[in-house]
Protein backbone atom coordinates (compact mmCIF):
# COMPACT_ATOMS: atom_id res chain seq x y z
CA MET A 1 33.21 11.99 3.39
CA SER A 2 34.29 8.63 2.46
CA PRO A 3 31.47 5.74 2.19
CA THR A 4 31.20 3.56 5.39
CA THR A 5 29.66 0.15 5.87
CA ASP A 6 29.37 0.85 9.71
CA ARG A 7 25.82 0.99 11.01
CA THR A 8 25.12 4.45 12.21
CA ILE A 9 21.49 4.53 12.54
CA ASP A 10 19.70 3.29 15.60
CA PHE A 11 16.19 1.97 14.34
CA THR A 12 15.24 0.65 17.77
CA THR A 13 15.71 3.27 20.59
CA GLY A 14 12.53 5.65 20.74
CA ALA A 15 10.64 3.58 18.35
CA PRO A 16 7.99 4.10 17.05
CA VAL A 17 9.32 7.64 15.95
CA ALA A 18 6.93 10.56 15.21
CA GLY A 19 6.44 11.20 11.47
CA SER A 20 4.46 13.46 9.37
CA LEU A 21 1.15 12.97 7.59
CA ASP A 22 0.44 16.57 7.32
CA VAL A 23 0.24 16.41 3.46
CA ALA A 24 -2.33 17.19 0.74
CA TRP A 25 -2.27 14.18 -1.48
CA VAL A 26 -2.54 14.61 -5.29
CA HIS A 27 -6.00 13.72 -6.22
CA GLY A 28 -6.52 14.57 -9.95
CA ALA A 29 -6.20 18.43 -9.74
CA ALA A 30 -4.81 20.16 -12.74
CA GLY A 31 -1.01 20.70 -12.72
CA GLU A 32 -0.22 18.16 -10.07
CA PRO A 33 2.72 15.99 -10.46
CA ASN A 34 2.26 12.50 -11.83
CA LEU A 35 4.14 11.04 -8.97
CA GLN A 36 4.13 12.75 -5.56
CA VAL A 37 6.82 12.24 -2.90
CA HIS A 38 6.21 12.71 0.85
CA HIS A 39 8.87 12.03 3.39
CA TYR A 40 7.16 10.78 6.38
CA ASP A 41 10.50 10.87 8.25
CA GLU A 42 14.16 10.74 7.21
CA HIS A 43 14.00 7.04 6.34
CA THR A 44 10.40 6.59 5.20
CA VAL A 45 8.94 7.90 1.94
CA ILE A 46 5.36 7.55 0.82
CA LEU A 47 4.51 8.08 -3.05
CA ARG A 48 1.37 8.40 -4.91
CA GLN A 49 0.28 8.19 -8.46
CA SER A 50 -1.81 10.98 -9.58
CA LYS A 51 -5.32 10.33 -10.57
CA ARG A 52 -4.66 12.16 -13.88
CA VAL A 53 -2.29 9.18 -14.78
CA THR A 54 -4.43 6.48 -13.40
CA TYR A 55 -7.72 6.45 -11.63
CA GLU A 56 -6.41 3.76 -9.21
CA ALA A 57 -3.99 6.42 -7.91
CA PRO A 58 -2.22 3.93 -5.80
CA PHE A 59 0.29 4.65 -2.85
CA LEU A 60 3.75 3.12 -2.55
CA PHE A 61 6.14 3.08 0.16
CA LEU A 62 9.96 3.15 0.41
CA LEU A 63 11.65 2.18 3.61
CA PHE A 64 15.43 2.66 4.16
CA GLY A 65 17.47 0.42 6.30
CA GLU A 66 21.25 0.26 6.91
CA GLU A 67 22.04 -2.34 4.06
CA ARG A 68 18.96 -2.17 1.81
CA ALA A 69 15.74 -0.27 0.99
CA LEU A 70 12.44 -1.90 0.43
CA LEU A 71 9.96 -0.50 -2.22
CA LEU A 72 6.51 -1.86 -1.72
CA ASP A 73 4.56 -1.84 -4.76
CA THR A 74 5.26 -0.26 -8.34
CA GLY A 75 2.13 1.31 -9.15
CA ALA A 76 -0.47 1.01 -11.99
CA THR A 77 1.74 2.27 -14.90
CA GLU A 78 4.48 0.78 -16.91
CA ASP A 79 5.67 3.63 -19.03
CA ALA A 80 8.73 5.21 -17.45
CA GLU A 81 8.04 8.70 -19.11
CA LEU A 82 4.42 8.88 -17.98
CA PHE A 83 5.30 7.47 -14.58
CA PRO A 84 9.14 7.77 -13.62
CA LEU A 85 9.14 5.37 -10.71
CA ARG A 86 12.47 4.03 -11.31
CA ALA A 87 14.12 7.62 -11.72
CA THR A 88 12.46 9.00 -8.70
CA VAL A 89 13.63 5.93 -6.42
CA ASP A 90 17.15 6.16 -7.69
CA ARG A 91 17.18 10.06 -6.99
CA LEU A 92 15.64 9.35 -3.23
CA ILE A 93 18.32 6.49 -2.73
CA ASP A 94 21.04 8.93 -4.05
CA GLN A 95 19.98 11.48 -1.53
CA TRP A 96 19.73 9.08 1.31
CA LEU A 97 23.10 7.88 0.51
CA GLU A 98 24.53 11.49 0.54
CA ARG A 99 23.31 11.76 3.97
CA HIS A 100 24.43 8.11 5.15
CA PRO A 101 27.33 7.05 2.79
CA ARG A 102 27.87 3.31 2.58
CA GLU A 103 28.89 0.79 -0.11
CA GLY A 104 26.92 -2.05 -1.82
CA TYR A 105 23.42 -0.56 -1.06
CA GLY A 106 20.66 -2.75 -2.24
CA LEU A 107 17.25 -2.24 -3.08
CA VAL A 108 14.28 -5.02 -2.86
CA VAL A 109 11.13 -4.44 -4.75
CA ALA A 110 8.17 -6.37 -3.21
CA HIS A 111 4.37 -6.05 -3.33
CA THR A 112 1.55 -5.74 -1.03
CA HIS A 113 -0.02 -8.11 -3.44
CA GLY A 114 0.08 -9.09 -7.11
CA HIS A 115 -2.74 -7.17 -8.81
CA GLY A 116 -1.78 -5.09 -11.97
CA ASP A 117 -2.32 -1.68 -10.29
CA HIS A 118 0.58 -2.65 -7.73
CA VAL A 119 3.12 -4.55 -10.21
CA ALA A 120 3.04 -2.45 -13.45
CA ALA A 121 6.21 -0.84 -13.15
CA ASP A 122 8.33 -3.91 -12.04
CA ALA A 123 10.01 -3.72 -15.58
CA GLN A 124 11.61 -0.40 -14.82
CA PHE A 125 13.79 -2.16 -12.30
CA ALA A 126 14.69 -5.35 -14.28
CA ASP A 127 18.18 -4.13 -14.82
CA ARG A 128 18.93 -2.04 -11.83
CA PRO A 129 22.22 -3.18 -10.15
CA GLN A 130 21.96 -4.45 -6.70
CA THR A 131 18.27 -4.91 -6.99
CA VAL A 132 15.92 -7.79 -6.18
CA VAL A 133 12.53 -7.76 -7.68
CA VAL A 134 10.18 -10.30 -5.99
CA ALA A 135 7.65 -11.84 -8.34
CA ARG A 136 4.06 -11.57 -7.85
CA GLU A 137 2.82 -14.99 -7.47
CA ALA A 138 2.21 -16.43 -4.07
CA GLU A 139 4.86 -19.14 -4.27
CA ALA A 140 7.53 -16.62 -4.97
CA VAL A 141 6.22 -14.48 -2.15
CA ARG A 142 6.39 -17.26 0.35
CA ASP A 143 9.76 -18.48 -0.90
CA PHE A 144 11.53 -15.06 -0.79
CA PHE A 145 10.38 -13.97 2.80
CA GLY A 146 10.86 -17.67 4.14
CA PHE A 147 7.34 -18.49 5.34
CA GLY A 148 7.88 -22.18 4.59
CA ASP A 149 4.82 -24.12 5.99
CA GLY A 150 3.85 -21.26 8.31
CA TRP A 151 1.97 -19.56 5.53
CA PRO A 152 -0.29 -17.67 5.99
CA THR A 153 -0.69 -17.78 9.70
CA GLY A 154 2.80 -17.50 10.68
CA ALA A 155 4.66 -14.16 10.68
CA VAL A 156 8.46 -13.59 9.63
CA THR A 157 10.81 -10.99 9.84
CA PHE A 158 12.52 -9.20 7.08
CA ASP A 159 15.87 -7.11 7.78
CA LEU A 160 16.68 -4.17 5.76
CA GLY A 161 19.78 -3.62 8.09
CA GLY A 162 18.84 -2.60 11.67
CA ARG A 163 15.19 -2.03 10.49
CA VAL A 164 13.63 -5.27 10.87
CA LEU A 165 10.03 -5.71 9.54
CA ASP A 166 7.48 -8.14 10.50
CA ILE A 167 5.76 -9.78 7.33
CA LEU A 168 2.23 -11.12 7.79
CA GLY A 169 0.70 -13.32 5.11
CA SER A 170 -2.82 -11.64 4.37
CA PRO A 171 -4.66 -13.56 1.74
CA GLY A 172 -8.36 -12.89 0.94
CA HIS A 173 -8.29 -10.07 -1.32
CA HIS A 174 -5.37 -11.78 -3.36
CA ALA A 175 -3.62 -15.03 -2.73
CA ALA A 176 -0.18 -13.51 -2.49
CA ALA A 177 -1.05 -10.66 -0.29
CA ILE A 178 1.13 -9.62 2.59
CA THR A 179 0.92 -7.04 5.51
CA CYS A 180 4.27 -5.43 6.59
CA TYR A 181 4.64 -3.98 10.12
CA ASP A 182 7.55 -1.47 10.65
CA PRO A 183 8.52 -0.86 14.12
CA TRP A 184 10.47 2.08 13.51
CA THR A 185 7.33 4.10 12.58
CA GLY A 186 4.90 1.90 14.01
CA ILE A 187 3.09 1.53 10.62
CA LEU A 188 0.95 -1.50 9.54
CA PHE A 189 1.11 -1.59 5.76
CA THR A 190 -2.08 -3.22 4.80
CA GLY A 191 -2.08 -2.96 0.96
CA ASP A 192 -5.62 -3.51 -0.50
CA THR A 193 -6.81 -5.58 2.57
CA VAL A 194 -7.64 -2.60 4.73
CA TYR A 195 -8.11 1.02 3.45
CA PRO A 196 -10.61 3.81 3.20
CA GLY A 197 -12.36 2.33 0.12
CA ARG A 198 -13.93 -0.72 -1.32
CA LEU A 199 -12.50 -3.90 0.26
CA TYR A 200 -12.83 -6.84 -2.24
CA ALA A 201 -12.75 -10.06 -0.37
CA PHE A 202 -12.76 -12.76 -3.21
CA ASP A 203 -12.06 -15.54 -0.65
CA PHE A 204 -14.06 -14.40 2.14
CA PRO A 205 -12.99 -17.10 4.82
CA ALA A 206 -9.37 -16.15 4.12
CA PHE A 207 -10.22 -12.43 4.35
CA ARG A 208 -11.92 -12.76 7.65
CA ALA A 209 -9.12 -14.96 9.04
CA THR A 210 -6.59 -12.34 7.99
CA LEU A 211 -8.39 -9.57 9.75
CA ASP A 212 -8.56 -11.56 12.83
CA ARG A 213 -4.65 -11.91 12.55
CA LEU A 214 -4.17 -8.45 12.00
CA VAL A 215 -6.34 -7.11 14.91
CA ALA A 216 -4.65 -9.80 17.13
CA PHE A 217 -1.08 -8.44 16.09
CA ALA A 218 -2.26 -4.88 16.50
CA GLU A 219 -3.12 -5.73 19.90
CA THR A 220 0.21 -6.62 20.99
CA HIS A 221 2.22 -4.06 18.97
CA PRO A 222 2.35 -0.18 19.07
CA VAL A 223 0.54 0.64 15.83
CA THR A 224 0.79 4.50 15.00
CA HIS A 225 -1.23 4.19 11.52
CA VAL A 226 -2.89 1.56 9.41
CA LEU A 227 -1.83 2.69 5.70
CA GLY A 228 -3.42 0.93 2.65
CA CYS A 229 -2.89 1.68 -0.87
CA HIS A 230 -5.84 3.53 -2.09
CA VAL A 231 -8.40 6.11 -0.97
CA GLU A 232 -11.77 5.67 -2.37
CA MET A 233 -14.12 7.00 0.23
CA LYS A 234 -15.39 10.67 0.49
CA ARG A 235 -14.75 12.60 3.87
CA ARG A 236 -18.61 12.38 4.04
CA GLN A 237 -19.37 9.11 5.86
CA GLY A 238 -20.54 6.31 3.85
CA ARG A 239 -19.74 7.74 0.44
CA ASP A 240 -17.26 6.44 -1.97
CA TYR A 241 -16.13 7.80 -5.18
CA PRO A 242 -17.08 5.81 -8.22
CA ILE A 243 -14.77 3.57 -9.64
CA GLY A 244 -13.03 5.17 -12.52
CA ALA A 245 -13.08 8.62 -10.87
CA THR A 246 -10.11 10.90 -11.77
CA TYR A 247 -10.78 13.75 -9.47
CA GLN A 248 -11.42 13.34 -5.75
CA PRO A 249 -11.23 16.66 -4.17
CA ALA A 250 -12.94 15.68 -0.88
CA GLU A 251 -11.41 12.29 -0.39
CA HIS A 252 -11.20 10.53 2.97
CA ARG A 253 -7.66 10.74 4.81
CA LEU A 254 -5.19 7.95 3.95
CA GLU A 255 -4.38 6.88 7.50
CA LEU A 256 -6.60 4.49 9.53
CA THR A 257 -6.14 3.48 13.10
CA SER A 258 -6.02 0.31 15.05
CA ALA A 259 -9.49 0.95 16.14
CA ASP A 260 -10.68 1.29 12.31
CA LEU A 261 -8.82 -2.08 11.70
CA ALA A 262 -10.95 -3.87 14.53
CA THR A 263 -13.99 -2.22 13.03
CA VAL A 264 -13.28 -3.72 9.56
CA ARG A 265 -12.68 -7.05 11.47
CA ASP A 266 -16.08 -6.75 13.21
CA ALA A 267 -17.88 -5.82 10.19
CA ALA A 268 -16.66 -8.69 8.14
CA HIS A 269 -17.68 -11.20 10.94
CA ALA A 270 -20.96 -9.45 10.58
CA VAL A 271 -21.48 -10.08 7.01
CA ALA A 272 -19.71 -13.44 6.61
CA GLY A 273 -23.03 -15.23 5.53
CA ARG A 274 -23.95 -12.55 3.25
CA LYS A 275 -22.42 -12.29 -0.13
CA GLY A 276 -22.67 -8.96 -1.82
CA ILE A 277 -21.95 -5.22 -1.05
CA HIS A 278 -22.03 -3.97 2.58
CA ARG A 279 -21.55 -0.23 3.18
CA TYR A 280 -19.94 1.29 6.39
CA ASP A 281 -18.75 4.80 7.31
CA ASN A 282 -15.21 4.48 6.04
CA PHE A 283 -15.25 1.43 3.90
CA VAL A 284 -17.13 -0.90 1.74
CA ILE A 285 -17.11 -4.73 2.08
CA PHE A 286 -17.33 -6.62 -1.22
CA ASN A 287 -18.17 -10.21 0.02
CA GLU A 288 -17.08 -12.46 -2.92
CA PRO A 289 -18.81 -9.93 -5.22
CA GLY A 290 -21.00 -11.87 -8.03
CA LYS A 291 -21.35 -10.73 -11.78
CA ALA A 292 -24.31 -8.52 -10.77
CA ASP A 293 -22.22 -6.57 -8.18
CA GLN A 294 -19.37 -6.01 -10.45
CA LEU A 295 -21.76 -4.83 -13.22
CA ARG A 296 -23.54 -2.28 -10.93
CA LEU A 297 -20.09 -1.07 -9.89
CA LEU A 298 -19.05 -0.52 -13.40
CA ALA A 299 -22.30 1.07 -14.57
CA ARG A 300 -21.90 3.45 -11.68
CA GLY A 301 -18.48 4.26 -12.85
CA ARG A 302 -19.38 4.84 -16.45
CA LEU A 303 -22.19 7.04 -15.63
CA HIS A 304 -19.89 9.15 -13.55
CA GLN A 305 -17.38 9.37 -16.34
CA ALA A 306 -19.92 10.25 -18.85
CA LEU A 307 -21.28 13.08 -16.38
CA ALA A 308 -17.65 14.32 -15.84
CA LYS A 309 -17.11 14.63 -19.46
CA LEU A 310 -20.20 16.44 -20.19
CA THR A 311 -19.22 19.02 -17.35
CA ARG A 312 -15.97 19.65 -18.72
CA ARG A 313 -17.35 20.23 -22.23
CA ASN A 314 -19.85 22.83 -20.87
């Protein structure tokens, strides 16, 4: 079959399509791969770093359009041997192009936000042909996606070629945070703004305003899943794994719902005047955490790691 530039994939009819989240995520068990690959559907891939590589164990997302693919985040590890993200993405793109041949296929590497556990492997893509790596700084993000003076309250679109994403500014956790909505799958990719874990709101007024916008958006769009970039909660309600945990055998599911999103919004409004840590069933809000809050978090993590090391020795 010769390559073609004709658009042959309909990313609108029948959307949102049904995908699969029937997957056991890597969680730090012996023998698991350093980078897990799960096909949500033919054009959507979810990747996760193993906790045996980094306790952050972030999720990454690869979305294919007619003209280019979008990689959301590059994980927490720079070393290509330990974390072969570039090789994995190249293989996934090659496989997709075997099924959908076309010339001049591009890749955009962008980020849900600019913290180190989401941008570490950017350098792996620095010399990749037909690739744009969006810088992590807020100004670069606003310029690339074309927010202009509309940041952060305005939404913009980003076309992968027939697959048109909605991009929303989402500061609060990070100044350059964005949320991506994919009409093809109905997934709302919320980065570190909303996920089953510790929601660090370093700028709480901005965080609360972001949640207001996300809930309003979800009320007018078909949202199938809310997918963040981490899992830190346990299946047992109200319990989170300590920071630094490298083994999470009973972790919460990754996917949340629009109702969960509204619950986070409501909780943020409820604790708006109270800085510190606020625990809920499926998430923990850190309202502009102070030094004492951070020290308690780290102390709990160090105790957990010490006990885990002692258990392994015995």
